Amino acid sequence: MEDLIREFWVIALVGGIFALLAYRFIRSGSIAGALLGGKIRREVGKILLDDGLVYSQTLKVHTMDSKSGEEFVSVSIVSKAAFGAGVWPFKLSKPQARALIQLLERAVS
């Protein structure tokens, strides 16, 4: 009986997380928006990092609005493979985005 109760709670927890992400995806219109809690204002651009026959990686940059109306920058790494995909979004404030720009400029100079 305890195993049945434990399984119920695990299924309820996983279902709750899935429902929350589905709700946030529908509300924001994107996976990055659902994970970061915002809505994409515009896509600034993307860079192809790796492109193979069965695997690709892209770096995408968006400007986004939070629920409170604050603008922030989203940098996402999108990986696609034959049997799966993944998205790793990062939320940056404007000062953090400027600091990243400075780091990248120092790295390439």
PDB file of N, CA and C in Angstrom:
ATOM      1  N   MET A   1       0.809  -1.191   0.000  1.00  0.00           N
ATOM      2  CA  MET A   1       0.000   0.000   0.000  1.00  0.00           C
ATOM      3  C   MET A   1       0.858   1.263   0.000  1.00  0.00           C
ATOM      4  N   GLU A   2       1.952   1.236   0.764  1.00  0.00           N
ATOM      5  CA  GLU A   2       2.838   2.395   0.803  1.00  0.00           C
ATOM      6  C   GLU A   2       3.471   2.656  -0.554  1.00  0.00           C
ATOM      7  N   ASP A   3       3.797   1.586  -1.279  1.00  0.00           N
ATOM      8  CA  ASP A   3       4.378   1.756  -2.621  1.00  0.00           C
ATOM      9  C   ASP A   3       3.397   2.434  -3.563  1.00  0.00           C
ATOM     10  N   LEU A   4       2.144   2.087  -3.446  1.00  0.00           N
ATOM     11  CA  LEU A   4       1.114   2.692  -4.292  1.00  0.00           C
ATOM     12  C   LEU A   4       0.975   4.183  -3.986  1.00  0.00           C
ATOM     13  N   ILE A   5       1.001   4.538  -2.724  1.00  0.00           N
ATOM     14  CA  ILE A   5       0.910   5.943  -2.335  1.00  0.00           C
ATOM     15  C   ILE A   5       2.131   6.707  -2.823  1.00  0.00           C
ATOM     16  N   ARG A   6       3.306   6.121  -2.692  1.00  0.00           N
ATOM     17  CA  ARG A   6       4.545   6.762  -3.154  1.00  0.00           C
ATOM     18  C   ARG A   6       4.509   6.974  -4.663  1.00  0.00           C
ATOM     19  N   GLU A   7       4.051   5.970  -5.400  1.00  0.00           N
ATOM     20  CA  GLU A   7       3.943   6.101  -6.857  1.00  0.00           C
ATOM     21  C   GLU A   7       2.953   7.198  -7.234  1.00  0.00           C
ATOM     22  N   PHE A   8       1.843   7.278  -6.495  1.00  0.00           N
ATOM     23  CA  PHE A   8       0.857   8.324  -6.762  1.00  0.00           C
ATOM     24  C   PHE A   8       1.489   9.697  -6.614  1.00  0.00           C
ATOM     25  N   TRP A   9       2.260   9.926  -5.549  1.00  0.00           N
ATOM     26  CA  TRP A   9       2.867  11.230  -5.310  1.00  0.00           C
ATOM     27  C   TRP A   9       3.918  11.561  -6.360  1.00  0.00           C
ATOM     28  N   VAL A  10       4.658  10.578  -6.806  1.00  0.00           N
ATOM     29  CA  VAL A  10       5.652  10.816  -7.857  1.00  0.00           C
ATOM     30  C   VAL A  10       4.947  11.199  -9.156  1.00  0.00           C
ATOM     31  N   ILE A  11       3.915  10.468  -9.505  1.00  0.00           N
ATOM     32  CA  ILE A  11       3.160  10.773 -10.731  1.00  0.00           C
ATOM     33  C   ILE A  11       2.496  12.142 -10.611  1.00  0.00           C
ATOM     34  N   ALA A  12       1.944  12.465  -9.450  1.00  0.00           N
ATOM     35  CA  ALA A  12       1.307  13.768  -9.243  1.00  0.00           C
ATOM     36  C   ALA A  12       2.333  14.891  -9.353  1.00  0.00           C
ATOM     37  N   LEU A  13       3.527  14.703  -8.796  1.00  0.00           N
ATOM     38  CA  LEU A  13       4.570  15.719  -8.866  1.00  0.00           C
ATOM     39  C   LEU A  13       5.031  15.948 -10.304  1.00  0.00           C
ATOM     40  N   VAL A  14       5.315  14.874 -11.018  1.00  0.00           N
ATOM     41  CA  VAL A  14       5.746  14.987 -12.415  1.00  0.00           C
ATOM     42  C   VAL A  14       4.642  15.601 -13.265  1.00  0.00           C
ATOM     43  N   GLY A  15       3.403  15.187 -13.042  1.00  0.00           N
ATOM     44  CA  GLY A  15       2.280  15.760 -13.775  1.00  0.00           C
ATOM     45  C   GLY A  15       2.096  17.239 -13.477  1.00  0.00           C
ATOM     46  N   GLY A  16       2.288  17.624 -12.225  1.00  0.00           N
ATOM     47  CA  GLY A  16       2.175  19.034 -11.846  1.00  0.00           C
ATOM     48  C   GLY A  16       3.239  19.885 -12.511  1.00  0.00           C
ATOM     49  N   ILE A  17       4.470  19.388 -12.540  1.00  0.00           N
ATOM     50  CA  ILE A  17       5.559  20.121 -13.194  1.00  0.00           C
ATOM     51  C   ILE A  17       5.275  20.245 -14.691  1.00  0.00           C
ATOM     52  N   PHE A  18       4.837  19.162 -15.301  1.00  0.00           N
ATOM     53  CA  PHE A  18       4.502  19.192 -16.727  1.00  0.00           C
ATOM     54  C   PHE A  18       3.373  20.185 -17.006  1.00  0.00           C
ATOM     55  N   ALA A  19       2.336  20.176 -16.155  1.00  0.00           N
ATOM     56  CA  ALA A  19       1.208  21.090 -16.349  1.00  0.00           C
ATOM     57  C   ALA A  19       1.648  22.546 -16.207  1.00  0.00           C
ATOM     58  N   LEU A  20       2.516  22.828 -15.233  1.00  0.00           N
ATOM     59  CA  LEU A  20       3.012  24.187 -15.043  1.00  0.00           C
ATOM     60  C   LEU A  20       3.810  24.657 -16.262  1.00  0.00           C
ATOM     61  N   LEU A  21       4.707  23.801 -16.759  1.00  0.00           N
ATOM     62  CA  LEU A  21       5.485  24.168 -17.943  1.00  0.00           C
ATOM     63  C   LEU A  21       4.593  24.332 -19.176  1.00  0.00           C
ATOM     64  N   ALA A  22       3.590  23.471 -19.318  1.00  0.00           N
ATOM     65  CA  ALA A  22       2.670  23.589 -20.451  1.00  0.00           C
ATOM     66  C   ALA A  22       1.894  24.901 -20.375  1.00  0.00           C
ATOM     67  N   TYR A  23       1.438  25.261 -19.182  1.00  0.00           N
ATOM     68  CA  TYR A  23       0.718  26.531 -19.000  1.00  0.00           C
ATOM     69  C   TYR A  23       1.616  27.714 -19.333  1.00  0.00           C
ATOM     70  N   ARG A  24       2.857  27.686 -18.829  1.00  0.00           N
ATOM     71  CA  ARG A  24       3.780  28.791 -19.086  1.00  0.00           C
ATOM     72  C   ARG A  24       4.163  28.857 -20.560  1.00  0.00           C
ATOM     73  N   PHE A  25       4.277  27.676 -21.227  1.00  0.00           N
ATOM     74  CA  PHE A  25       4.581  27.652 -22.663  1.00  0.00           C
ATOM     75  C   PHE A  25       3.451  28.294 -23.451  1.00  0.00           C
ATOM     76  N   ILE A  26       2.216  27.946 -23.122  1.00  0.00           N
ATOM     77  CA  ILE A  26       1.067  28.508 -23.835  1.00  0.00           C
ATOM     78  C   ILE A  26       0.994  30.017 -23.601  1.00  0.00           C
ATOM     79  N   ARG A  27       1.237  30.445 -22.373  1.00  0.00           N
ATOM     80  CA  ARG A  27       1.157  31.865 -22.046  1.00  0.00           C
ATOM     81  C   ARG A  27       2.276  32.672 -22.704  1.00  0.00           C
ATOM     82  N   SER A  28       3.508  32.126 -22.727  1.00  0.00           N
ATOM     83  CA  SER A  28       4.652  32.883 -23.248  1.00  0.00           C
ATOM     84  C   SER A  28       4.895  32.645 -24.731  1.00  0.00           C
ATOM     85  N   GLY A  29       4.502  31.491 -25.243  1.00  0.00           N
ATOM     86  CA  GLY A  29       4.662  31.208 -26.661  1.00  0.00           C
ATOM     87  C   GLY A  29       5.994  30.594 -27.051  1.00  0.00           C
ATOM     88  N   SER A  30       6.848  30.276 -26.059  1.00  0.00           N
ATOM     89  CA  SER A  30       8.136  29.655 -26.381  1.00  0.00           C
ATOM     90  C   SER A  30       8.649  28.866 -25.188  1.00  0.00           C
ATOM     91  N   ILE A  31       9.547  27.934 -25.465  1.00  0.00           N
ATOM     92  CA  ILE A  31      10.144  27.154 -24.387  1.00  0.00           C
ATOM     93  C   ILE A  31      11.026  28.047 -23.516  1.00  0.00           C
ATOM     94  N   ALA A  32      11.814  28.921 -24.157  1.00  0.00           N
ATOM     95  CA  ALA A  32      12.675  29.828 -23.392  1.00  0.00           C
ATOM     96  C   ALA A  32      11.825  30.729 -22.501  1.00  0.00           C
ATOM     97  N   GLY A  33      10.720  31.228 -23.021  1.00  0.00           N
ATOM     98  CA  GLY A  33       9.833  32.059 -22.224  1.00  0.00           C
ATOM     99  C   GLY A  33       9.233  31.298 -21.058  1.00  0.00           C
ATOM    100  N   ALA A  34       8.877  30.050 -21.291  1.00  0.00           N
ATOM    101  CA  ALA A  34       8.310  29.229 -20.219  1.00  0.00           C
ATOM    102  C   ALA A  34       9.339  28.964 -19.127  1.00  0.00           C
ATOM    103  N   LEU A  35      10.583  28.714 -19.506  1.00  0.00           N
ATOM    104  CA  LEU A  35      11.618  28.409 -18.514  1.00  0.00           C
ATOM    105  C   LEU A  35      12.129  29.651 -17.790  1.00  0.00           C
ATOM    106  N   LEU A  36      12.138  30.803 -18.477  1.00  0.00           N
ATOM    107  CA  LEU A  36      12.678  32.025 -17.886  1.00  0.00           C
ATOM    108  C   LEU A  36      11.598  32.949 -17.320  1.00  0.00           C
ATOM    109  N   GLY A  37      10.343  32.653 -17.568  1.00  0.00           N
ATOM    110  CA  GLY A  37       9.268  33.471 -17.023  1.00  0.00           C
ATOM    111  C   GLY A  37       9.072  34.785 -17.744  1.00  0.00           C
ATOM    112  N   GLY A  38       9.126  34.756 -19.063  1.00  0.00           N
ATOM    113  CA  GLY A  38       8.939  35.982 -19.837  1.00  0.00           C
ATOM    114  C   GLY A  38       8.352  35.693 -21.196  1.00  0.00           C
ATOM    115  N   LYS A  39       8.195  36.760 -21.970  1.00  0.00           N
ATOM    116  CA  LYS A  39       7.660  36.634 -23.331  1.00  0.00           C
ATOM    117  C   LYS A  39       8.654  37.263 -24.288  1.00  0.00           C
ATOM    118  N   ILE A  40       8.928  36.574 -25.390  1.00  0.00           N
ATOM    119  CA  ILE A  40       9.890  37.074 -26.362  1.00  0.00           C
ATOM    120  C   ILE A  40       9.342  38.333 -27.016  1.00  0.00           C
ATOM    121  N   ARG A  41      10.126  39.398 -26.953  1.00  0.00           N
ATOM    122  CA  ARG A  41       9.778  40.645 -27.628  1.00  0.00           C
ATOM    123  C   ARG A  41      10.246  40.565 -29.077  1.00  0.00           C
ATOM    124  N   ARG A  42      11.526  40.181 -29.276  1.00  0.00           N
ATOM    125  CA  ARG A  42      12.031  40.001 -30.641  1.00  0.00           C
ATOM    126  C   ARG A  42      13.269  39.112 -30.606  1.00  0.00           C
ATOM    127  N   GLU A  43      13.490  38.438 -31.730  1.00  0.00           N
ATOM    128  CA  GLU A  43      14.705  37.633 -31.888  1.00  0.00           C
ATOM    129  C   GLU A  43      15.778  38.544 -32.464  1.00  0.00           C
ATOM    130  N   VAL A  44      16.865  38.702 -31.729  1.00  0.00           N
ATOM    131  CA  VAL A  44      17.955  39.574 -32.172  1.00  0.00           C
ATOM    132  C   VAL A  44      18.774  38.872 -33.243  1.00  0.00           C
ATOM    133  N   GLY A  45      19.029  37.587 -33.047  1.00  0.00           N
ATOM    134  CA  GLY A  45      19.793  36.831 -34.037  1.00  0.00           C
ATOM    135  C   GLY A  45      20.172  35.468 -33.514  1.00  0.00           C
ATOM    136  N   LYS A  46      20.799  34.695 -34.384  1.00  0.00           N
ATOM    137  CA  LYS A  46      21.259  33.366 -33.991  1.00  0.00           C
ATOM    138  C   LYS A  46      22.544  33.032 -34.726  1.00  0.00           C
ATOM    139  N   ILE A  47      23.333  32.176 -34.094  1.00  0.00           N
ATOM    140  CA  ILE A  47      24.618  31.751 -34.647  1.00  0.00           C
ATOM    141  C   ILE A  47      24.635  30.232 -34.647  1.00  0.00           C
ATOM    142  N   LEU A  48      24.943  29.635 -35.780  1.00  0.00           N
ATOM    143  CA  LEU A  48      25.074  28.188 -35.866  1.00  0.00           C
ATOM    144  C   LEU A  48      26.415  27.795 -35.256  1.00  0.00           C
ATOM    145  N   LEU A  49      26.379  27.043 -34.170  1.00  0.00           N
ATOM    146  CA  LEU A  49      27.604  26.638 -33.482  1.00  0.00           C
ATOM    147  C   LEU A  49      28.177  25.348 -34.044  1.00  0.00           C
ATOM    148  N   ASP A  50      27.307  24.393 -34.347  1.00  0.00           N
ATOM    149  CA  ASP A  50      27.750  23.092 -34.836  1.00  0.00           C
ATOM    150  C   ASP A  50      26.645  22.524 -35.703  1.00  0.00           C
ATOM    151  N   ASP A  51      27.024  22.008 -36.868  1.00  0.00           N
ATOM    152  CA  ASP A  51      26.029  21.458 -37.780  1.00  0.00           C
ATOM    153  C   ASP A  51      26.556  20.155 -38.355  1.00  0.00           C
ATOM    154  N   GLY A  52      25.924  19.077 -37.976  1.00  0.00           N
ATOM    155  CA  GLY A  52      26.306  17.770 -38.493  1.00  0.00           C
ATOM    156  C   GLY A  52      25.119  17.094 -39.137  1.00  0.00           C
ATOM    157  N   LEU A  53      25.293  15.853 -39.519  1.00  0.00           N
ATOM    158  CA  LEU A  53      24.206  15.109 -40.158  1.00  0.00           C
ATOM    159  C   LEU A  53      23.072  14.816 -39.183  1.00  0.00           C
ATOM    160  N   VAL A  54      23.411  14.472 -37.943  1.00  0.00           N
ATOM    161  CA  VAL A  54      22.378  14.097 -36.982  1.00  0.00           C
ATOM    162  C   VAL A  54      22.348  15.001 -35.755  1.00  0.00           C
ATOM    163  N   TYR A  55      23.139  16.073 -35.758  1.00  0.00           N
ATOM    164  CA  TYR A  55      23.251  16.909 -34.575  1.00  0.00           C
ATOM    165  C   TYR A  55      23.524  18.352 -34.973  1.00  0.00           C
ATOM    166  N   SER A  56      22.867  19.290 -34.310  1.00  0.00           N
ATOM    167  CA  SER A  56      23.167  20.707 -34.546  1.00  0.00           C
ATOM    168  C   SER A  56      22.984  21.488 -33.251  1.00  0.00           C
ATOM    169  N   GLN A  57      23.741  22.572 -33.135  1.00  0.00           N
ATOM    170  CA  GLN A  57      23.636  23.475 -31.993  1.00  0.00           C
ATOM    171  C   GLN A  57      23.571  24.905 -32.513  1.00  0.00           C
ATOM    172  N   THR A  58      22.659  25.683 -31.924  1.00  0.00           N
ATOM    173  CA  THR A  58      22.479  27.075 -32.312  1.00  0.00           C
ATOM    174  C   THR A  58      22.433  27.929 -31.060  1.00  0.00           C
ATOM    175  N   LEU A  59      23.080  29.081 -31.124  1.00  0.00           N
ATOM    176  CA  LEU A  59      23.011  30.065 -30.050  1.00  0.00           C
ATOM    177  C   LEU A  59      22.030  31.148 -30.487  1.00  0.00           C
ATOM    178  N   LYS A  60      20.983  31.370 -29.693  1.00  0.00           N
ATOM    179  CA  LYS A  60      19.960  32.352 -30.041  1.00  0.00           C
ATOM    180  C   LYS A  60      19.941  33.459 -28.997  1.00  0.00           C
ATOM    181  N   VAL A  61      19.737  34.688 -29.463  1.00  0.00           N
ATOM    182  CA  VAL A  61      19.650  35.851 -28.579  1.00  0.00           C
ATOM    183  C   VAL A  61      18.303  36.527 -28.808  1.00  0.00           C
ATOM    184  N   HIS A  62      17.569  36.755 -27.716  1.00  0.00           N
ATOM    185  CA  HIS A  62      16.259  37.417 -27.765  1.00  0.00           C
ATOM    186  C   HIS A  62      16.217  38.541 -26.745  1.00  0.00           C
ATOM    187  N   THR A  63      15.396  39.532 -27.020  1.00  0.00           N
ATOM    188  CA  THR A  63      15.002  40.459 -25.962  1.00  0.00           C
ATOM    189  C   THR A  63      13.636  39.980 -25.489  1.00  0.00           C
ATOM    190  N   MET A  64      13.456  40.007 -24.167  1.00  0.00           N
ATOM    191  CA  MET A  64      12.230  39.473 -23.574  1.00  0.00           C
ATOM    192  C   MET A  64      11.676  40.448 -22.544  1.00  0.00           C
ATOM    193  N   ASP A  65      10.401  40.285 -22.253  1.00  0.00           N
ATOM    194  CA  ASP A  65       9.734  41.052 -21.201  1.00  0.00           C
ATOM    195  C   ASP A  65       9.309  40.092 -20.103  1.00  0.00           C
ATOM    196  N   SER A  66       9.601  40.462 -18.853  1.00  0.00           N
ATOM    197  CA  SER A  66       9.143  39.657 -17.727  1.00  0.00           C
ATOM    198  C   SER A  66       7.673  39.967 -17.457  1.00  0.00           C
ATOM    199  N   LYS A  67       7.067  39.205 -16.536  1.00  0.00           N
ATOM    200  CA  LYS A  67       5.674  39.439 -16.191  1.00  0.00           C
ATOM    201  C   LYS A  67       5.464  40.841 -15.628  1.00  0.00           C
ATOM    202  N   SER A  68       6.494  41.376 -14.961  1.00  0.00           N
ATOM    203  CA  SER A  68       6.380  42.716 -14.381  1.00  0.00           C
ATOM    204  C   SER A  68       6.664  43.822 -15.399  1.00  0.00           C
ATOM    205  N   GLY A  69       7.013  43.438 -16.639  1.00  0.00           N
ATOM    206  CA  GLY A  69       7.267  44.417 -17.689  1.00  0.00           C
ATOM    207  C   GLY A  69       8.727  44.789 -17.856  1.00  0.00           C
ATOM    208  N   GLU A  70       9.601  44.217 -17.036  1.00  0.00           N
ATOM    209  CA  GLU A  70      11.032  44.514 -17.127  1.00  0.00           C
ATOM    210  C   GLU A  70      11.628  43.809 -18.345  1.00  0.00           C
ATOM    211  N   GLU A  71      12.446  44.530 -19.095  1.00  0.00           N
ATOM    212  CA  GLU A  71      13.091  43.957 -20.281  1.00  0.00           C
ATOM    213  C   GLU A  71      14.391  43.276 -19.863  1.00  0.00           C
ATOM    214  N   PHE A  72      14.658  42.105 -20.441  1.00  0.00           N
ATOM    215  CA  PHE A  72      15.916  41.404 -20.210  1.00  0.00           C
ATOM    216  C   PHE A  72      16.352  40.697 -21.479  1.00  0.00           C
ATOM    217  N   VAL A  73      17.563  40.179 -21.456  1.00  0.00           N
ATOM    218  CA  VAL A  73      18.143  39.500 -22.614  1.00  0.00           C
ATOM    219  C   VAL A  73      18.166  38.001 -22.334  1.00  0.00           C
ATOM    220  N   SER A  74      17.784  37.227 -23.319  1.00  0.00           N
ATOM    221  CA  SER A  74      17.826  35.772 -23.226  1.00  0.00           C
ATOM    222  C   SER A  74      18.860  35.247 -24.214  1.00  0.00           C
ATOM    223  N   VAL A  75      19.783  34.457 -23.710  1.00  0.00           N
ATOM    224  CA  VAL A  75      20.754  33.762 -24.552  1.00  0.00           C
ATOM    225  C   VAL A  75      20.462  32.275 -24.390  1.00  0.00           C
ATOM    226  N   SER A  76      20.136  31.598 -25.480  1.00  0.00           N
ATOM    227  CA  SER A  76      19.763  30.185 -25.421  1.00  0.00           C
ATOM    228  C   SER A  76      20.655  29.359 -26.327  1.00  0.00           C
ATOM    229  N   ILE A  77      21.024  28.193 -25.844  1.00  0.00           N
ATOM    230  CA  ILE A  77      21.703  27.204 -26.677  1.00  0.00           C
ATOM    231  C   ILE A  77      20.671  26.136 -26.992  1.00  0.00           C
ATOM    232  N   VAL A  78      20.400  25.949 -28.272  1.00  0.00           N
ATOM    233  CA  VAL A  78      19.408  24.984 -28.726  1.00  0.00           C
ATOM    234  C   VAL A  78      20.141  23.847 -29.423  1.00  0.00           C
ATOM    235  N   SER A  79      19.968  22.643 -28.900  1.00  0.00           N
ATOM    236  CA  SER A  79      20.594  21.457 -29.492  1.00  0.00           C
ATOM    237  C   SER A  79      19.511  20.567 -30.080  1.00  0.00           C
ATOM    238  N   LYS A  80      19.765  20.091 -31.282  1.00  0.00           N
ATOM    239  CA  LYS A  80      18.836  19.176 -31.941  1.00  0.00           C
ATOM    240  C   LYS A  80      19.623  17.957 -32.387  1.00  0.00           C
ATOM    241  N   ALA A  81      19.043  16.800 -32.139  1.00  0.00           N
ATOM    242  CA  ALA A  81      19.661  15.543 -32.550  1.00  0.00           C
ATOM    243  C   ALA A  81      18.588  14.664 -33.179  1.00  0.00           C
ATOM    244  N   ALA A  82      19.008  13.534 -33.709  1.00  0.00           N
ATOM    245  CA  ALA A  82      18.078  12.643 -34.401  1.00  0.00           C
ATOM    246  C   ALA A  82      16.949  12.177 -33.476  1.00  0.00           C
ATOM    247  N   PHE A  83      17.256  11.901 -32.214  1.00  0.00           N
ATOM    248  CA  PHE A  83      16.252  11.352 -31.313  1.00  0.00           C
ATOM    249  C   PHE A  83      16.004  12.224 -30.086  1.00  0.00           C
ATOM    250  N   GLY A  84      16.293  13.512 -30.184  1.00  0.00           N
ATOM    251  CA  GLY A  84      16.051  14.373 -29.037  1.00  0.00           C
ATOM    252  C   GLY A  84      16.455  15.805 -29.307  1.00  0.00           C
ATOM    253  N   ALA A  85      16.139  16.644 -28.347  1.00  0.00           N
ATOM    254  CA  ALA A  85      16.473  18.061 -28.450  1.00  0.00           C
ATOM    255  C   ALA A  85      16.613  18.630 -27.046  1.00  0.00           C
ATOM    256  N   GLY A  86      17.269  19.753 -26.955  1.00  0.00           N
ATOM    257  CA  GLY A  86      17.430  20.396 -25.661  1.00  0.00           C
ATOM    258  C   GLY A  86      17.560  21.896 -25.813  1.00  0.00           C
ATOM    259  N   VAL A  87      17.091  22.620 -24.799  1.00  0.00           N
ATOM    260  CA  VAL A  87      17.186  24.076 -24.779  1.00  0.00           C
ATOM    261  C   VAL A  87      17.761  24.475 -23.427  1.00  0.00           C
ATOM    262  N   TRP A  88      18.812  25.293 -23.457  1.00  0.00           N
ATOM    263  CA  TRP A  88      19.431  25.798 -22.237  1.00  0.00           C
ATOM    264  C   TRP A  88      19.399  27.324 -22.289  1.00  0.00           C
ATOM    265  N   PRO A  89      18.327  27.926 -21.747  1.00  0.00           N
ATOM    266  CA  PRO A  89      18.227  29.390 -21.788  1.00  0.00           C
ATOM    267  C   PRO A  89      18.900  30.030 -20.571  1.00  0.00           C
ATOM    268  N   PHE A  90      19.437  31.226 -20.780  1.00  0.00           N
ATOM    269  CA  PHE A  90      20.060  32.002 -19.721  1.00  0.00           C
ATOM    270  C   PHE A  90      19.446  33.392 -19.730  1.00  0.00           C
ATOM    271  N   LYS A  91      19.059  33.858 -18.554  1.00  0.00           N
ATOM    272  CA  LYS A  91      18.440  35.170 -18.408  1.00  0.00           C
ATOM    273  C   LYS A  91      19.502  36.158 -17.957  1.00  0.00           C
ATOM    274  N   LEU A  92      19.676  37.234 -18.738  1.00  0.00           N
ATOM    275  CA  LEU A  92      20.665  38.256 -18.414  1.00  0.00           C
ATOM    276  C   LEU A  92      19.989  39.611 -18.280  1.00  0.00           C
ATOM    277  N   SER A  93      20.328  40.326 -17.218  1.00  0.00           N
ATOM    278  CA  SER A  93      19.878  41.711 -17.109  1.00  0.00           C
ATOM    279  C   SER A  93      20.691  42.530 -18.112  1.00  0.00           C
ATOM    280  N   LYS A  94      20.302  43.772 -18.336  1.00  0.00           N
ATOM    281  CA  LYS A  94      21.064  44.613 -19.264  1.00  0.00           C
ATOM    282  C   LYS A  94      22.512  44.802 -18.793  1.00  0.00           C
ATOM    283  N   PRO A  95      22.769  45.059 -17.498  1.00  0.00           N
ATOM    284  CA  PRO A  95      24.168  45.164 -17.063  1.00  0.00           C
ATOM    285  C   PRO A  95      24.957  43.856 -17.250  1.00  0.00           C
ATOM    286  N   GLN A  96      24.315  42.729 -17.026  1.00  0.00           N
ATOM    287  CA  GLN A  96      24.987  41.444 -17.251  1.00  0.00           C
ATOM    288  C   GLN A  96      25.288  41.237 -18.726  1.00  0.00           C
ATOM    289  N   ALA A  97      24.372  41.638 -19.611  1.00  0.00           N
ATOM    290  CA  ALA A  97      24.596  41.516 -21.055  1.00  0.00           C
ATOM    291  C   ALA A  97      25.761  42.394 -21.493  1.00  0.00           C
ATOM    292  N   ARG A  98      25.847  43.607 -20.931  1.00  0.00           N
ATOM    293  CA  ARG A  98      26.971  44.493 -21.256  1.00  0.00           C
ATOM    294  C   ARG A  98      28.296  43.908 -20.767  1.00  0.00           C
ATOM    295  N   ALA A  99      28.282  43.294 -19.581  1.00  0.00           N
ATOM    296  CA  ALA A  99      29.493  42.659 -19.055  1.00  0.00           C
ATOM    297  C   ALA A  99      29.918  41.490 -19.936  1.00  0.00           C
ATOM    298  N   LEU A 100      28.949  40.717 -20.435  1.00  0.00           N
ATOM    299  CA  LEU A 100      29.253  39.610 -21.344  1.00  0.00           C
ATOM    300  C   LEU A 100      29.862  40.140 -22.638  1.00  0.00           C
ATOM    301  N   ILE A 101      29.335  41.237 -23.154  1.00  0.00           N
ATOM    302  CA  ILE A 101      29.889  41.857 -24.367  1.00  0.00           C
ATOM    303  C   ILE A 101      31.355  42.229 -24.140  1.00  0.00           C
ATOM    304  N   GLN A 102      31.653  42.840 -23.004  1.00  0.00           N
ATOM    305  CA  GLN A 102      33.032  43.218 -22.694  1.00  0.00           C
ATOM    306  C   GLN A 102      33.938  41.997 -22.595  1.00  0.00           C
ATOM    307  N   LEU A 103      33.461  40.932 -21.965  1.00  0.00           N
ATOM    308  CA  LEU A 103      34.261  39.705 -21.873  1.00  0.00           C
ATOM    309  C   LEU A 103      34.551  39.120 -23.247  1.00  0.00           C
ATOM    310  N   LEU A 104      33.537  39.082 -24.108  1.00  0.00           N
ATOM    311  CA  LEU A 104      33.723  38.545 -25.449  1.00  0.00           C
ATOM    312  C   LEU A 104      34.674  39.413 -26.275  1.00  0.00           C
ATOM    313  N   GLU A 105      34.561  40.728 -26.134  1.00  0.00           N
ATOM    314  CA  GLU A 105      35.473  41.616 -26.858  1.00  0.00           C
ATOM    315  C   GLU A 105      36.912  41.410 -26.401  1.00  0.00           C
ATOM    316  N   ARG A 106      37.119  41.217 -25.086  1.00  0.00           N
ATOM    317  CA  ARG A 106      38.478  40.939 -24.594  1.00  0.00           C
ATOM    318  C   ARG A 106      38.994  39.599 -25.085  1.00  0.00           C
ATOM    319  N   ALA A 107      38.086  38.623 -25.203  1.00  0.00           N
ATOM    320  CA  ALA A 107      38.500  37.291 -25.631  1.00  0.00           C
ATOM    321  C   ALA A 107      38.961  37.261 -27.090  1.00  0.00           C
ATOM    322  N   VAL A 108      38.364  38.088 -27.926  1.00  0.00           N
ATOM    323  CA  VAL A 108      38.696  38.046 -29.351  1.00  0.00           C
ATOM    324  C   VAL A 108      39.739  39.096 -29.740  1.00  0.00           C
ATOM    325  N   SER A 109      40.158  39.946 -28.821  1.00  0.00           N
ATOM    326  CA  SER A 109      41.148  40.973 -29.170  1.00  0.00           C
ATOM    327  C   SER A 109      42.560  40.470 -28.964  1.00  0.00           C
TER     328      SER A 109
END
